[in-house]
């Protein structure tokens, strides 16, 4: 059974979207389902939805994204 997880990400507009998506796709078992990013001044802010079969991969992915110096904010969006 697969789970859909949503992350809110903020990164500098000097960084390509490919850099962000390649980090997500580098984790085995994750597949991007939806991207929605908007330019907010010097930053891009948006939500990425991805599918995972293992919930253990989500904290690891958040750790990888936060370790990238170009990404300034990563937070999990809860489902309502």
N, C-alpha and C. Protein backbone atom coordinates (compact mmCIF):
# COMPACT_ATOMS: atom_id res chain seq x y z
N UNK A 1 0.84 -1.18 0.00
CA UNK A 1 0.00 0.00 0.00
C UNK A 1 0.88 1.24 0.00
N UNK A 2 0.57 2.20 -0.85
CA UNK A 2 1.40 3.40 -0.93
C UNK A 2 0.71 4.56 -0.22
N UNK A 3 1.53 5.44 0.30
CA UNK A 3 1.06 6.62 1.02
C UNK A 3 1.47 7.86 0.24
N UNK A 4 0.61 8.87 0.23
CA UNK A 4 0.94 10.16 -0.37
C UNK A 4 1.34 11.10 0.77
N UNK A 5 2.51 11.71 0.63
CA UNK A 5 3.05 12.62 1.64
C UNK A 5 3.26 13.98 0.97
N UNK A 6 2.92 15.05 1.70
CA UNK A 6 3.07 16.41 1.20
C UNK A 6 4.14 17.13 2.01
N UNK A 7 5.07 17.80 1.31
CA UNK A 7 6.09 18.62 1.96
C UNK A 7 6.01 20.03 1.41
N UNK A 8 6.10 21.02 2.30
CA UNK A 8 6.20 22.42 1.88
C UNK A 8 7.69 22.76 1.86
N UNK A 9 8.15 23.27 0.73
CA UNK A 9 9.58 23.54 0.54
C UNK A 9 9.76 24.99 0.10
N UNK A 10 10.79 25.65 0.64
CA UNK A 10 11.17 26.99 0.22
C UNK A 10 12.64 26.95 -0.18
N UNK A 11 12.95 27.45 -1.38
CA UNK A 11 14.34 27.46 -1.82
C UNK A 11 14.62 28.71 -2.65
N UNK A 12 15.90 29.07 -2.75
CA UNK A 12 16.32 30.26 -3.51
C UNK A 12 15.99 30.08 -4.98
N UNK A 13 15.63 31.19 -5.65
CA UNK A 13 15.29 31.06 -7.06
C UNK A 13 16.51 30.89 -7.95
N UNK A 14 17.71 30.97 -7.38
CA UNK A 14 18.92 30.71 -8.16
C UNK A 14 19.14 29.21 -8.35
N UNK A 15 18.42 28.40 -7.61
CA UNK A 15 18.55 26.94 -7.68
C UNK A 15 17.50 26.41 -8.65
N UNK A 16 17.87 25.43 -9.44
CA UNK A 16 16.91 24.86 -10.38
C UNK A 16 15.98 23.88 -9.67
N UNK A 17 14.79 23.75 -10.20
CA UNK A 17 13.83 22.79 -9.66
C UNK A 17 14.36 21.37 -9.81
N UNK A 18 15.17 21.15 -10.82
CA UNK A 18 15.77 19.83 -11.02
C UNK A 18 16.62 19.42 -9.81
N UNK A 19 17.31 20.38 -9.20
CA UNK A 19 18.11 20.07 -8.01
C UNK A 19 17.26 19.56 -6.86
N UNK A 20 16.08 20.14 -6.70
CA UNK A 20 15.18 19.72 -5.62
C UNK A 20 14.59 18.35 -5.93
N UNK A 21 14.11 18.17 -7.16
CA UNK A 21 13.47 16.90 -7.51
C UNK A 21 14.47 15.75 -7.55
N UNK A 22 15.71 16.03 -7.90
CA UNK A 22 16.70 14.95 -7.94
C UNK A 22 17.00 14.42 -6.54
N UNK A 23 16.95 15.29 -5.53
CA UNK A 23 17.14 14.82 -4.15
C UNK A 23 16.00 13.89 -3.76
N UNK A 24 14.78 14.27 -4.11
CA UNK A 24 13.62 13.45 -3.77
C UNK A 24 13.69 12.10 -4.48
N UNK A 25 14.02 12.12 -5.77
CA UNK A 25 14.05 10.88 -6.54
C UNK A 25 15.26 10.02 -6.22
N UNK A 26 16.25 10.57 -5.49
CA UNK A 26 17.42 9.77 -5.14
C UNK A 26 17.10 8.74 -4.06
N UNK A 27 16.02 8.94 -3.33
CA UNK A 27 15.61 7.99 -2.30
C UNK A 27 14.81 6.88 -2.98
N UNK A 28 15.29 5.67 -2.84
CA UNK A 28 14.64 4.54 -3.50
C UNK A 28 13.23 4.33 -2.95
N UNK A 29 12.28 4.16 -3.85
CA UNK A 29 10.90 3.91 -3.45
C UNK A 29 10.02 5.14 -3.43
N UNK A 30 10.59 6.33 -3.66
CA UNK A 30 9.79 7.56 -3.69
C UNK A 30 9.51 7.95 -5.13
N UNK A 31 8.29 8.41 -5.37
CA UNK A 31 7.90 8.84 -6.70
C UNK A 31 7.10 10.13 -6.58
N UNK A 32 7.51 11.16 -7.30
CA UNK A 32 6.83 12.45 -7.25
C UNK A 32 5.49 12.34 -7.96
N UNK A 33 4.45 12.81 -7.28
CA UNK A 33 3.10 12.77 -7.85
C UNK A 33 2.64 14.16 -8.31
N UNK A 34 3.06 15.22 -7.60
CA UNK A 34 2.56 16.56 -7.91
C UNK A 34 3.55 17.61 -7.41
N UNK A 35 3.75 18.65 -8.21
CA UNK A 35 4.58 19.80 -7.83
C UNK A 35 3.77 21.07 -7.99
N UNK A 36 3.89 21.99 -7.06
CA UNK A 36 3.21 23.28 -7.16
C UNK A 36 4.10 24.33 -6.51
N UNK A 37 4.90 25.05 -7.32
CA UNK A 37 5.82 26.06 -6.80
C UNK A 37 5.47 27.42 -7.38
N UNK A 38 5.63 28.46 -6.56
CA UNK A 38 5.33 29.83 -6.94
C UNK A 38 6.52 30.70 -6.56
N UNK A 39 6.86 31.66 -7.42
CA UNK A 39 7.95 32.59 -7.14
C UNK A 39 7.46 33.64 -6.16
N UNK A 40 8.14 33.77 -5.02
CA UNK A 40 7.82 34.77 -3.99
C UNK A 40 9.05 35.63 -3.75
N UNK A 41 9.28 36.61 -4.61
CA UNK A 41 10.44 37.48 -4.46
C UNK A 41 11.72 36.75 -4.80
N UNK A 42 12.58 36.55 -3.80
CA UNK A 42 13.85 35.88 -4.03
C UNK A 42 13.77 34.38 -3.85
N UNK A 43 12.62 33.87 -3.47
CA UNK A 43 12.47 32.44 -3.18
C UNK A 43 11.34 31.82 -3.99
N UNK A 44 11.43 30.52 -4.15
CA UNK A 44 10.32 29.73 -4.64
C UNK A 44 9.72 29.01 -3.44
N UNK A 45 8.41 29.03 -3.34
CA UNK A 45 7.71 28.37 -2.25
C UNK A 45 6.69 27.45 -2.88
N UNK A 46 6.59 26.25 -2.36
CA UNK A 46 5.61 25.35 -2.93
C UNK A 46 5.47 24.06 -2.17
N UNK A 47 4.62 23.22 -2.72
CA UNK A 47 4.31 21.93 -2.13
C UNK A 47 4.64 20.85 -3.14
N UNK A 48 5.28 19.81 -2.65
CA UNK A 48 5.55 18.64 -3.47
C UNK A 48 4.83 17.46 -2.82
N UNK A 49 4.12 16.71 -3.64
CA UNK A 49 3.45 15.49 -3.16
C UNK A 49 4.19 14.31 -3.76
N UNK A 50 4.52 13.35 -2.92
CA UNK A 50 5.19 12.16 -3.43
C UNK A 50 4.59 10.93 -2.80
N UNK A 51 4.78 9.83 -3.50
CA UNK A 51 4.22 8.55 -3.09
C UNK A 51 5.34 7.69 -2.52
N UNK A 52 5.08 7.06 -1.40
CA UNK A 52 6.06 6.18 -0.78
C UNK A 52 5.37 4.93 -0.25
N UNK A 53 6.07 3.84 -0.32
CA UNK A 53 5.53 2.61 0.24
C UNK A 53 6.03 2.39 1.67
N UNK A 54 7.10 3.10 2.04
CA UNK A 54 7.67 2.96 3.39
C UNK A 54 7.69 4.31 4.08
N UNK A 55 7.03 4.41 5.21
CA UNK A 55 6.99 5.68 5.95
C UNK A 55 8.35 6.04 6.54
N UNK A 56 9.24 5.06 6.68
CA UNK A 56 10.57 5.33 7.23
C UNK A 56 11.40 6.21 6.31
N UNK A 57 11.05 6.27 5.03
CA UNK A 57 11.81 7.08 4.08
C UNK A 57 11.55 8.58 4.23
N UNK A 58 10.43 8.96 4.81
CA UNK A 58 10.07 10.38 4.90
C UNK A 58 11.04 11.17 5.79
N UNK A 59 11.34 10.73 7.03
CA UNK A 59 12.32 11.49 7.83
C UNK A 59 13.70 11.55 7.17
N UNK A 60 14.09 10.49 6.49
CA UNK A 60 15.38 10.49 5.79
C UNK A 60 15.38 11.53 4.67
N UNK A 61 14.29 11.62 3.92
CA UNK A 61 14.18 12.61 2.85
C UNK A 61 14.22 14.03 3.42
N UNK A 62 13.51 14.26 4.51
CA UNK A 62 13.52 15.59 5.13
C UNK A 62 14.93 15.95 5.58
N UNK A 63 15.66 14.99 6.12
CA UNK A 63 17.05 15.21 6.52
C UNK A 63 17.92 15.57 5.31
N UNK A 64 17.74 14.88 4.19
CA UNK A 64 18.51 15.19 2.98
C UNK A 64 18.20 16.59 2.46
N UNK A 65 16.93 16.95 2.44
CA UNK A 65 16.55 18.27 1.94
C UNK A 65 17.06 19.39 2.84
N UNK A 66 16.98 19.20 4.15
CA UNK A 66 17.47 20.22 5.08
C UNK A 66 18.98 20.34 5.04
N UNK A 67 19.67 19.28 4.66
CA UNK A 67 21.12 19.31 4.56
C UNK A 67 21.61 20.10 3.36
N UNK A 68 20.75 20.32 2.38
CA UNK A 68 21.11 21.11 1.21
C UNK A 68 21.05 22.58 1.60
N UNK A 69 22.14 23.30 1.42
CA UNK A 69 22.20 24.70 1.83
C UNK A 69 21.32 25.63 1.03
N UNK A 70 20.91 25.23 -0.17
CA UNK A 70 20.08 26.08 -1.01
C UNK A 70 18.61 26.03 -0.63
N UNK A 71 18.22 25.01 0.10
CA UNK A 71 16.83 24.86 0.52
C UNK A 71 16.72 25.44 1.93
N UNK A 72 15.90 26.47 2.08
CA UNK A 72 15.87 27.17 3.36
C UNK A 72 14.83 26.63 4.33
N UNK A 73 13.78 25.99 3.84
CA UNK A 73 12.74 25.51 4.75
C UNK A 73 12.08 24.26 4.18
N UNK A 74 11.89 23.26 5.05
CA UNK A 74 11.19 22.03 4.70
C UNK A 74 10.29 21.68 5.87
N UNK A 75 9.02 21.48 5.60
CA UNK A 75 8.11 21.05 6.66
C UNK A 75 7.06 20.13 6.07
N UNK A 76 6.64 19.18 6.87
CA UNK A 76 5.63 18.23 6.45
C UNK A 76 4.26 18.88 6.59
N UNK A 77 3.42 18.73 5.58
CA UNK A 77 2.07 19.27 5.61
C UNK A 77 1.15 18.15 6.03
N UNK A 78 0.37 18.40 7.07
CA UNK A 78 -0.52 17.35 7.56
C UNK A 78 -1.79 17.32 6.72
N UNK A 79 -2.33 16.13 6.58
CA UNK A 79 -3.59 15.97 5.86
C UNK A 79 -4.73 16.37 6.78
N UNK A 80 -5.74 17.00 6.21
CA UNK A 80 -6.90 17.40 7.03
C UNK A 80 -8.13 16.68 6.57
